[in-house]
Protein backbone atom coordinates (compact mmCIF):
# COMPACT_ATOMS: atom_id res chain seq x y z
CA MET A 1 56.70 50.95 13.78
CA ARG A 2 54.94 47.76 12.29
CA LEU A 3 51.10 47.76 12.65
CA ALA A 4 51.07 45.03 15.41
CA GLY A 5 53.71 47.01 17.28
CA LEU A 6 51.66 50.25 17.02
CA GLY A 7 48.61 48.54 18.13
CA VAL A 8 50.41 47.14 21.31
CA PHE A 9 51.99 50.59 21.98
CA SER A 10 48.99 52.62 21.57
CA SER A 11 46.96 50.07 23.60
CA SER A 12 49.18 50.03 26.59
CA ALA A 13 49.69 53.74 26.60
CA ALA A 14 46.00 54.18 26.29
CA VAL A 15 45.21 51.97 29.34
CA VAL A 16 47.55 53.92 31.64
CA VAL A 17 46.59 57.35 30.59
CA ALA A 18 42.86 56.90 30.29
CA VAL A 19 42.73 55.11 33.65
CA SER A 20 45.05 57.74 35.35
CA PHE A 21 42.76 60.45 34.27
CA ALA A 22 39.74 58.69 35.61
CA ASN A 23 41.03 59.54 39.19
CA GLY A 24 43.38 56.43 38.73
CA GLY A 25 40.41 54.23 38.45
CA TYR A 26 39.75 54.56 42.14
CA PHE A 27 35.93 55.14 42.32
CA ARG A 28 33.72 52.50 41.51
CA GLU A 29 31.92 54.33 38.65
CA SER A 30 34.73 53.64 36.36
CA TRP A 31 35.35 50.09 36.91
CA LEU A 32 32.76 48.73 34.66
CA TRP A 33 33.66 50.74 31.58
CA ILE A 34 37.34 49.96 32.00
CA ALA A 35 36.55 46.29 32.26
CA LEU A 36 34.28 46.57 29.20
CA ALA A 37 36.95 48.33 27.17
CA LEU A 38 39.37 45.72 27.96
CA CYS A 39 37.13 42.81 27.25
CA SER A 40 36.32 44.51 23.88
CA LEU A 41 40.21 44.58 23.32
CA ALA A 42 40.49 40.90 23.93
CA GLY A 43 37.60 40.30 21.68
CA MET A 44 38.96 42.23 18.86
CA VAL A 45 42.43 40.43 19.39
CA ILE A 46 40.55 36.96 19.13
CA LEU A 47 38.82 38.09 15.92
CA LEU A 48 41.75 39.82 14.03
CA ARG A 49 44.93 38.21 15.12
CA GLU A 50 46.27 35.06 13.58
CA PRO A 51 47.98 33.12 15.18
CA ILE A 52 47.45 33.39 18.79
CA VAL A 53 49.51 31.47 21.20
CA LEU A 54 49.62 31.31 24.99
CA SER A 55 52.07 29.38 27.26
CA LYS A 56 51.36 27.33 30.26
CA LEU A 57 52.58 30.04 32.64
CA ASP A 58 50.17 32.49 30.87
CA LEU A 59 47.40 30.26 31.53
CA LEU A 60 48.62 29.66 35.07
CA ALA A 61 49.07 33.39 35.97
CA LEU A 62 45.46 34.10 34.53
CA ALA A 63 44.10 31.09 36.44
CA ALA A 64 45.70 32.12 39.76
CA LEU A 65 44.09 35.58 39.38
CA VAL A 66 40.87 34.24 38.52
CA VAL A 67 41.01 32.10 41.60
CA PHE A 68 42.20 34.76 43.82
CA GLU A 69 39.35 37.23 42.75
CA THR A 70 36.83 34.49 43.21
CA TRP A 71 37.85 34.01 46.66
CA THR A 72 37.58 37.68 47.12
CA ALA A 73 33.98 37.48 46.05
CA LEU A 74 33.13 34.53 48.07
CA SER A 75 34.31 36.28 51.18
CA ALA A 76 31.27 38.40 51.08
CA ALA A 77 29.57 35.29 52.51
CA TRP A 78 31.35 35.72 55.78
CA SER A 79 32.22 39.56 55.56
CA SER A 80 30.79 42.02 58.14
CA ALA A 81 30.61 44.30 55.08
CA PRO A 82 29.43 42.08 52.24
CA THR A 83 28.71 44.82 49.95
CA GLN A 84 32.11 46.28 50.11
CA SER A 85 33.49 42.93 49.61
CA LEU A 86 31.63 42.48 46.37
CA HIS A 87 32.83 45.90 45.44
CA ASP A 88 36.47 44.67 45.71
CA ALA A 89 35.79 41.55 43.51
CA GLU A 90 34.17 44.11 40.92
CA ARG A 91 37.31 45.99 40.73
CA GLY A 92 39.20 42.73 40.43
CA LEU A 93 37.42 41.84 37.14
CA VAL A 94 39.39 44.91 35.81
CA TYR A 95 42.72 43.22 36.46
CA VAL A 96 41.32 39.94 35.15
CA ALA A 97 40.22 41.40 31.94
CA ALA A 98 43.51 43.36 31.57
CA LEU A 99 45.74 40.27 31.90
CA LEU A 100 43.59 38.31 29.40
CA ALA A 101 43.58 41.11 26.80
CA PHE A 102 47.27 41.65 26.92
CA LEU A 103 48.32 38.18 27.08
CA LEU A 104 46.36 37.67 23.88
CA LEU A 105 47.61 40.90 22.20
CA VAL A 106 51.25 40.76 23.12
CA GLU A 107 53.93 38.40 21.44
CA SER A 108 57.68 38.43 21.70
CA ALA A 109 58.24 40.85 18.91
CA THR A 110 56.03 43.41 20.61
CA ILE A 111 57.44 43.56 24.16
CA HIS A 112 59.56 46.52 23.18
CA ASP A 113 56.26 48.29 22.18
CA LEU A 114 54.24 47.17 25.23
CA LEU A 115 56.93 48.65 27.65
CA GLY A 116 57.23 51.67 25.36
CA GLY A 117 53.43 52.36 25.83
CA VAL A 118 53.46 51.89 29.63
CA ALA A 119 56.60 54.32 29.79
CA ALA A 120 54.92 56.66 27.15
CA GLY A 121 51.74 56.56 29.42
CA ALA A 122 53.88 57.58 32.60
CA VAL A 123 55.56 60.27 30.83
CA LEU A 124 52.23 61.84 29.60
CA VAL A 125 50.68 61.63 32.88
CA CYS A 126 53.67 62.95 34.80
CA GLY A 127 54.00 65.73 32.28
CA TYR A 128 50.60 66.70 32.67
CA SER A 129 50.70 66.74 36.42
CA LEU A 130 54.05 68.83 36.40
CA GLY A 131 52.72 71.00 33.82
CA GLU A 132 49.72 71.78 35.76
CA ARG A 133 51.95 72.97 38.75
CA LEU A 134 54.45 74.85 36.59
CA LEU A 135 51.77 76.86 34.91
CA ALA A 136 49.72 77.51 38.09
CA THR A 137 48.54 81.06 38.42
CA SER A 138 46.77 80.88 41.71
CA LYS A 139 47.60 79.52 44.99
CA ILE A 140 48.17 75.72 45.20
CA SER A 141 45.23 73.74 46.70
CA THR A 142 45.94 71.39 49.49
CA ASP A 143 44.13 68.46 50.97
CA VAL A 144 44.31 66.31 54.16
CA VAL A 145 46.17 63.45 52.68
CA SER A 146 48.53 65.08 50.04
CA GLY A 147 49.05 68.55 51.37
CA THR A 148 50.80 70.51 48.54
CA ARG A 149 52.42 67.45 47.02
CA LEU A 150 51.69 66.62 43.42
CA ASN A 151 48.78 64.18 42.95
CA GLU A 152 46.81 64.85 39.97
CA PRO A 153 45.25 63.44 37.68
CA LEU A 154 45.31 60.21 39.88
CA GLY A 155 44.24 62.17 43.18
CA TYR A 156 46.83 60.18 45.35
CA THR A 157 50.63 61.51 45.47
CA ASN A 158 52.02 58.12 46.21
CA ALA A 159 50.21 56.67 43.26
CA LEU A 160 51.68 59.20 41.21
CA GLY A 161 55.01 58.58 42.67
CA ILE A 162 55.18 54.83 41.77
CA LEU A 163 53.83 55.52 38.43
CA ALA A 164 56.81 58.02 37.91
CA ALA A 165 59.33 55.39 39.37
CA ILE A 166 58.00 52.73 36.98
CA GLY A 167 58.39 55.35 34.20
CA VAL A 168 62.09 55.92 35.06
CA LEU A 169 63.04 52.51 35.20
CA LEU A 170 61.32 51.79 31.86
CA SER A 171 62.72 54.69 30.25
CA LEU A 172 66.25 54.01 31.49
CA GLY A 173 65.99 50.27 30.17
CA LEU A 174 64.43 51.37 26.64
CA ALA A 175 67.23 53.85 26.36
CA VAL A 176 69.59 50.96 26.73
CA HIS A 177 67.74 48.59 24.46
CA ALA A 178 66.90 51.38 21.87
CA ARG A 179 66.62 50.41 18.38
CA ASN A 180 68.20 53.66 16.89
CA ARG A 181 69.84 57.00 18.23
CA VAL A 182 66.62 58.85 17.73
CA GLU A 183 64.51 56.44 20.11
CA ARG A 184 67.60 56.30 22.60
CA ALA A 185 67.41 60.26 22.70
CA LEU A 186 63.64 60.26 23.25
CA TRP A 187 63.77 57.92 26.20
CA ALA A 188 66.82 59.60 27.69
CA SER A 189 64.91 62.95 27.59
CA ALA A 190 62.26 61.71 29.59
CA THR A 191 64.35 60.98 32.69
CA PRO A 192 64.55 64.69 33.98
CA LEU A 193 60.74 65.21 33.62
CA LEU A 194 60.00 61.89 35.43
CA LEU A 195 62.38 62.61 38.35
CA ALA A 196 61.11 66.10 38.68
CA ALA A 197 57.57 64.79 38.89
CA LEU A 198 58.76 62.18 41.46
CA ALA A 199 60.29 64.72 43.49
CA LEU A 200 57.26 66.88 43.81
CA THR A 201 55.32 63.93 45.15
CA GLU A 202 57.86 63.57 47.94
CA SER A 203 56.81 59.70 47.92
CA ARG A 204 59.31 57.85 50.11
CA GLY A 205 57.72 54.60 49.09
CA ALA A 206 58.16 55.48 45.35
CA VAL A 207 61.76 56.20 45.94
CA VAL A 208 62.23 52.95 47.86
CA ALA A 209 60.52 51.13 45.07
CA LEU A 210 62.83 52.79 42.36
CA ALA A 211 65.90 51.79 44.21
CA ALA A 212 64.71 48.29 44.62
CA GLY A 213 64.00 48.07 40.82
CA LEU A 214 67.17 49.73 39.75
CA GLY A 215 69.02 47.31 42.05
CA VAL A 216 67.39 44.32 40.40
CA LEU A 217 67.88 45.83 36.81
CA VAL A 218 71.87 46.36 37.36
CA VAL A 219 72.02 42.66 38.74
CA VAL A 220 69.99 40.86 35.90
CA GLU A 221 70.86 43.24 32.73
CA ALA A 222 72.65 41.34 30.13
CA ARG A 223 73.87 44.67 28.67
CA ARG A 224 75.18 45.75 32.06
CA ALA A 225 77.91 48.06 30.39
CA GLU A 226 75.36 49.86 28.37
CA LEU A 227 73.14 50.04 31.46
CA VAL A 228 75.98 51.55 33.77
CA ALA A 229 76.94 53.96 30.91
CA ALA A 230 73.29 55.19 30.56
CA ALA A 231 73.09 55.66 34.43
CA LEU A 232 76.41 57.64 34.48
CA VAL A 233 75.63 59.71 31.20
CA LEU A 234 72.12 60.57 32.77
CA SER A 235 72.94 60.94 36.39
CA ALA A 236 74.21 64.82 35.72
CA SER A 237 71.04 65.88 34.23
CA GLY A 238 68.93 63.74 36.50
CA ALA A 239 70.68 65.25 39.63
CA ALA A 240 70.20 68.66 38.30
CA ALA A 241 66.52 68.04 37.76
CA LEU A 242 66.14 66.73 41.11
CA LEU A 243 68.01 69.84 42.65
CA SER A 244 66.22 72.46 40.52
CA THR A 245 62.94 70.98 41.53
CA LEU A 246 63.72 70.86 45.49
CA ARG A 247 64.96 74.23 45.30
CA ALA A 248 61.76 75.73 43.68
CA THR A 249 60.07 75.92 47.26
CA SER A 250 57.32 78.14 46.01
CA LEU A 251 55.99 75.16 43.91
CA ARG A 252 55.65 73.17 47.15
CA THR A 253 54.22 75.91 49.45
CA ALA A 254 50.61 76.71 49.88
CA ASN A 255 51.36 80.39 50.94
CA ALA A 256 53.09 81.16 47.69
CA THR A 257 51.76 84.20 45.94
CA PRO A 258 50.59 83.92 42.41
CA GLY A 259 53.70 85.83 41.19
CA GLN A 260 56.22 83.57 43.13
CA LEU A 261 54.36 80.69 41.55
CA SER A 262 54.74 82.11 38.04
CA SER A 263 58.24 83.06 38.51
CA ALA A 264 59.25 79.54 40.00
CA GLY A 265 57.26 77.72 37.54
CA ALA A 266 59.05 79.56 34.61
CA ARG A 267 62.37 79.05 35.88
CA LEU A 268 61.92 75.32 36.52
CA THR A 269 60.24 74.80 33.12
CA LEU A 270 63.27 76.39 31.42
CA ALA A 271 65.66 74.50 33.46
CA LEU A 272 63.64 71.15 32.64
CA LEU A 273 63.51 71.78 28.91
CA VAL A 274 67.35 72.39 28.71
CA LEU A 275 67.94 69.25 31.02
CA MET A 276 65.95 67.34 28.59
CA LEU A 277 67.61 68.50 25.67
CA ALA A 278 71.02 67.99 27.32
CA SER A 279 69.83 64.21 28.21
CA ALA A 280 68.94 63.55 24.47
CA LEU A 281 72.25 64.84 23.41
CA ALA A 282 74.27 63.11 26.10
CA SER A 283 72.56 59.75 24.95
CA LEU A 284 74.95 59.68 22.16
CA ALA A 285 77.82 59.17 24.60
CA ILE A 286 76.09 55.78 25.92
CA GLY A 287 77.47 53.68 22.92
CA PRO A 288 81.09 54.82 23.13
CA LEU A 289 81.20 54.71 27.07
CA ALA A 290 79.72 51.38 27.25
CA ALA A 291 82.39 50.22 24.64
CA ARG A 292 84.98 51.43 27.20
CA LEU A 293 83.33 49.91 30.20
CA ARG A 294 83.11 46.41 28.52
CA ARG A 295 86.98 46.30 28.73
CA GLN A 296 86.76 46.95 32.44
CA ARG A 297 85.56 44.53 34.92
CA LEU A 298 82.15 45.09 36.11
CA SER A 299 81.84 42.26 38.56
CA TRP A 300 82.03 44.69 41.52
CA MET A 301 78.42 46.02 40.54
CA VAL A 302 76.70 43.03 41.99
CA PRO A 303 78.13 43.09 45.44
CA ALA A 304 77.99 46.91 45.43
CA VAL A 305 74.16 46.76 44.87
CA PHE A 306 73.75 44.61 47.89
CA ALA A 307 76.01 46.71 49.96
CA LEU A 308 73.83 49.59 49.10
CA ALA A 309 70.78 47.78 50.09
CA LEU A 310 72.21 46.97 53.36
CA THR A 311 73.40 50.52 54.00
CA CYS A 312 69.98 51.68 53.49
CA ALA A 313 68.40 49.10 55.71
CA ALA A 314 70.83 50.09 58.33
CA ALA A 315 70.04 53.73 58.07
CA VAL A 316 66.37 53.04 58.39
CA GLY A 317 67.11 50.87 61.63
CA VAL A 318 68.99 53.84 63.02
CA LEU A 319 66.64 56.56 62.09
CA GLY A 320 63.62 54.37 63.41
CA VAL A 321 61.36 52.41 61.31
CA ASP A 322 58.30 54.32 62.75
CA ARG A 323 59.74 57.69 61.52
CA ALA A 324 60.91 56.45 58.12
CA LEU A 325 57.58 54.68 57.48
CA GLY A 326 55.27 57.11 59.14
CA PRO A 327 51.74 55.84 60.38
CA ARG A 328 52.15 52.81 58.17
CA VAL A 329 53.30 50.87 61.15
CA ASP A 330 50.12 51.64 63.01
CA TYR A 331 47.99 50.57 60.02
CA TRP A 332 49.92 47.30 59.79
CA ARG A 333 49.55 46.73 63.67
CA VAL A 334 45.67 47.00 62.98
CA ALA A 335 45.95 44.75 59.94
CA TRP A 336 47.74 42.02 62.11
CA HIS A 337 45.14 42.15 64.86
CA GLU A 338 42.57 41.70 62.28
CA PHE A 339 44.46 38.70 61.09
CA VAL A 340 44.82 37.23 64.61
CA GLN A 341 41.00 37.47 65.08
CA ASN A 342 40.35 35.68 61.77
CA PRO A 343 43.22 33.60 60.91
CA TRP A 344 41.68 31.09 58.56
CA LEU A 345 39.13 32.87 56.44
CA GLY A 346 39.98 36.42 56.97
CA SER A 347 37.20 38.97 57.93
CA GLY A 348 36.21 39.42 54.44
CA ALA A 349 37.31 41.86 51.68
CA ALA A 350 37.39 45.32 52.38
CA THR A 351 36.67 45.25 56.07
CA PHE A 352 39.74 46.87 57.05
CA PHE A 353 38.20 50.04 57.70
CA GLN A 354 36.12 48.78 60.38
CA TYR A 355 39.07 47.63 62.48
CA SER A 356 40.82 50.89 62.09
CA LEU A 357 37.72 52.56 63.33
CA ARG A 358 37.68 50.25 66.30
CA ALA A 359 41.42 51.04 66.87
CA GLY A 360 40.64 54.72 67.11
CA MET A 361 42.80 55.95 64.41
CA PRO A 362 43.25 59.65 64.12
CA VAL A 363 42.50 59.64 60.54
CA ALA A 364 39.72 57.42 58.67
CA VAL A 365 41.87 54.87 57.05
CA LEU A 366 40.21 52.45 54.40
CA ASP A 367 43.15 50.51 53.63
CA ALA A 368 46.17 48.84 55.49
CA HIS A 369 48.85 50.37 53.07
CA SER A 370 50.14 46.79 52.27
CA LEU A 371 48.63 44.66 49.75
CA PHE A 372 50.09 41.59 51.37
CA LEU A 373 49.06 42.43 54.94
CA GLU A 374 45.64 43.50 54.19
CA THR A 375 45.17 40.42 52.08
CA LEU A 376 46.28 38.21 55.11
CA ALA A 377 43.84 40.15 57.22
CA GLU A 378 40.72 40.24 55.17
CA LEU A 379 41.04 36.95 53.15
CA GLY A 380 43.26 34.88 55.46
CA VAL A 381 46.19 32.58 54.92
CA LEU A 382 44.42 30.97 51.75
CA GLY A 383 43.69 34.46 50.58
CA LEU A 384 47.40 35.52 50.62
CA LEU A 385 48.54 32.20 49.24
CA LEU A 386 46.34 32.70 46.25
CA LEU A 387 47.41 36.38 45.69
CA ALA A 388 51.06 35.23 46.12
CA ALA A 389 50.45 32.40 43.37
CA ALA A 390 49.10 35.18 41.04
CA LEU A 391 52.14 37.62 41.73
CA VAL A 392 54.75 35.18 41.66
CA VAL A 393 54.12 33.41 38.23
CA PRO A 394 55.69 36.43 36.46
CA LEU A 395 58.75 35.98 38.55
CA VAL A 396 58.77 32.43 37.81
CA ALA A 397 58.82 33.39 34.08
CA ALA A 398 61.60 35.74 34.90
CA VAL A 399 63.99 33.09 35.97
CA ARG A 400 63.21 30.90 33.23
CA GLU A 401 65.88 30.41 30.43
CA HIS A 402 65.06 32.92 27.65
CA GLU A 403 66.85 35.23 25.28
CA HIS A 404 64.55 38.15 25.34
CA SER A 405 66.64 41.34 25.86
CA LEU A 406 63.77 43.17 27.58
CA ALA A 407 63.06 40.54 30.30
CA SER A 408 65.30 42.25 32.73
CA VAL A 409 63.87 45.76 32.15
CA SER A 410 60.36 44.18 32.73
CA LEU A 411 61.56 42.76 35.97
CA GLY A 412 63.08 45.83 37.27
CA ALA A 413 59.74 47.84 36.82
CA TYR A 414 57.58 44.63 38.10
CA VAL A 415 59.84 44.44 41.27
CA ALA A 416 59.41 48.19 41.81
CA PHE A 417 55.54 47.53 41.62
CA LEU A 418 55.64 44.75 44.19
CA VAL A 419 57.73 46.76 46.78
CA HIS A 420 55.40 49.52 46.48
CA ALA A 421 52.45 47.49 46.63
CA GLY A 422 53.84 46.22 50.06
CA LEU A 423 53.97 49.90 51.19
CA ASP A 424 50.66 51.33 50.07
CA TRP A 425 47.26 50.91 48.66
CA ASP A 426 48.28 50.10 44.95
CA TRP A 427 45.57 47.41 44.70
CA GLU A 428 42.71 49.93 45.24
CA MET A 429 44.29 52.22 42.48
CA PRO A 430 43.85 50.53 39.14
CA ALA A 431 46.21 52.88 37.22
CA VAL A 432 49.11 51.65 39.24
CA THR A 433 48.17 47.96 39.29
CA LEU A 434 47.53 47.99 35.54
CA ALA A 435 50.94 49.43 34.88
CA GLY A 436 52.31 46.75 37.01
CA LEU A 437 50.22 43.95 35.43
CA LEU A 438 51.35 45.20 31.82
CA VAL A 439 55.08 44.85 32.68
CA ALA A 440 54.33 41.27 34.07
CA VAL A 441 52.75 40.53 30.68
CA GLY A 442 56.21 41.48 29.43
CA LEU A 443 57.87 38.84 31.59
CA LEU A 444 55.41 36.06 30.79
CA VAL A 445 55.63 36.74 26.95
CA ALA A 446 59.45 36.80 27.25
CA ALA A 447 59.30 33.35 28.80
CA ARG A 448 57.28 31.83 25.99
CA VAL A 449 59.13 28.69 24.25
CA ASP A 450 57.59 26.89 21.40
CA ARG A 451 57.63 23.53 23.47
CA ASP A 452 55.20 25.17 26.27
CA THR A 453 53.13 27.22 24.01
CA ILE A 454 49.52 26.31 22.92
CA ALA A 455 48.10 27.46 19.80
CA ILE A 456 44.64 28.99 20.03
CA GLY A 457 42.55 27.35 17.32
CA LEU A 458 38.81 27.79 16.64
CA THR A 459 37.54 25.94 19.54
CA ALA A 460 39.78 27.51 21.83
CA ARG A 461 39.03 30.93 20.35
CA ILE A 462 35.36 30.36 21.11
CA GLY A 463 36.40 29.45 24.79
CA VAL A 464 38.60 32.50 25.25
CA ALA A 465 35.85 34.70 23.69
CA SER A 466 33.34 33.29 26.14
CA ALA A 467 35.71 34.03 28.99
CA ALA A 468 36.02 37.61 28.14
CA LEU A 469 32.28 37.92 27.54
CA SER A 470 31.85 36.46 31.09
CA VAL A 471 34.04 38.86 32.70
CA ALA A 472 31.99 41.59 30.91
CA VAL A 473 28.69 39.98 31.96
CA ILE A 474 29.81 39.57 35.49
CA ALA A 475 31.12 43.08 35.85
CA LEU A 476 27.82 44.46 34.44
CA ALA A 477 25.71 42.10 36.78
CA LEU A 478 27.68 43.30 39.82
CA ARG A 479 27.08 46.86 38.79
CA LEU A 480 23.39 46.37 38.40
CA LEU A 481 22.91 43.95 41.48
CA VAL A 482 25.32 45.16 44.18
CA ASP A 483 24.32 48.43 45.74
């Protein structure tokens, strides 16, 4: 791995792992340090890297995110909870710093390393969480929100679930685009571990997001034969990992004795190790199988994906959307009522909790479990448009003409993040949002073309360095002044 690639890989992996182990970055105490670390990374890139180029889409994405977070901060002026609104803006500085740092750091040749770092971070986090459960020697602790579902080190089971889902999509895509057999075997071996962790989170939203991301990946992937071959080859070990995990009921039961936990953990550990080795060996068959599939007609794959999506939608309709989505529907009704009362400016960032209290929700709920509905309710129509502008720019980059092979992998993972953000409170969990922003950077960098790029000379470097310093200063000021 080249030095530049190693730097990108280690930086992206470190961000995912470090923030995940800081309770997912949920608590305010960690925001300043994360923002300062990311601003420092941006500063080092400005000082050490030559040349640095940015595209117009890069600048547009960054500007849109800055304007959205500025609107979030301004909402404190009319918010009924101004301190909480400024806290939301403080967390937003983490996202601005991350987007700036990685747009400066990543170039077309290191997108593979960027996605590899995010995937490796997801594997490490999920591996730790899974290992903690498999090696448990005492009764499984429970809490009101997660019950016995896997949630550490982030502290929220659905956040761990979507991180595992993003890891699955990236690992599968990287196995398809591996540069050699060893790398392909390594990414293939990660799939059973990630699926086992996903199963123990029991996160329905993460499964929906994974299905959406996989559907997009199948449709847009240029190496569709290799992708289908990889999915077929790894499906057996993946299904076995899911089945083995779901059958280990002692690992999901609060009443299990230490002996039952130890026995179930040992059996599942052995099964997963065998399945990971089997996946690594089976990856050798991806190339030959893909060669055979290229001789077949794969045009049926696109309508098949949409047929599957329609079937799932019909199933949700038959089963009842309330049962499928749980209490989220109630949260969304409260958010809509909040929007109706404050349609233009919104009620102010981080005020949803007040409306949920007035609605008499049985459990204290701080967030609407949908980034888009909550933004509409708290920041009004303009706020939602600003958010949409920030999140849509990477999608615009995805549809531009480019030849980078990993754009499809980035798009699949990014779509999974967006879908899950519409079903949960990912924006309040920086570990998840940072993973989503990093794969978005992959899309933006893949779309860079010479005619649209801007070389960052000395004057521009001073300006960019000043911007990074401003983010750090504002983050520090908000920490000192907002109480």
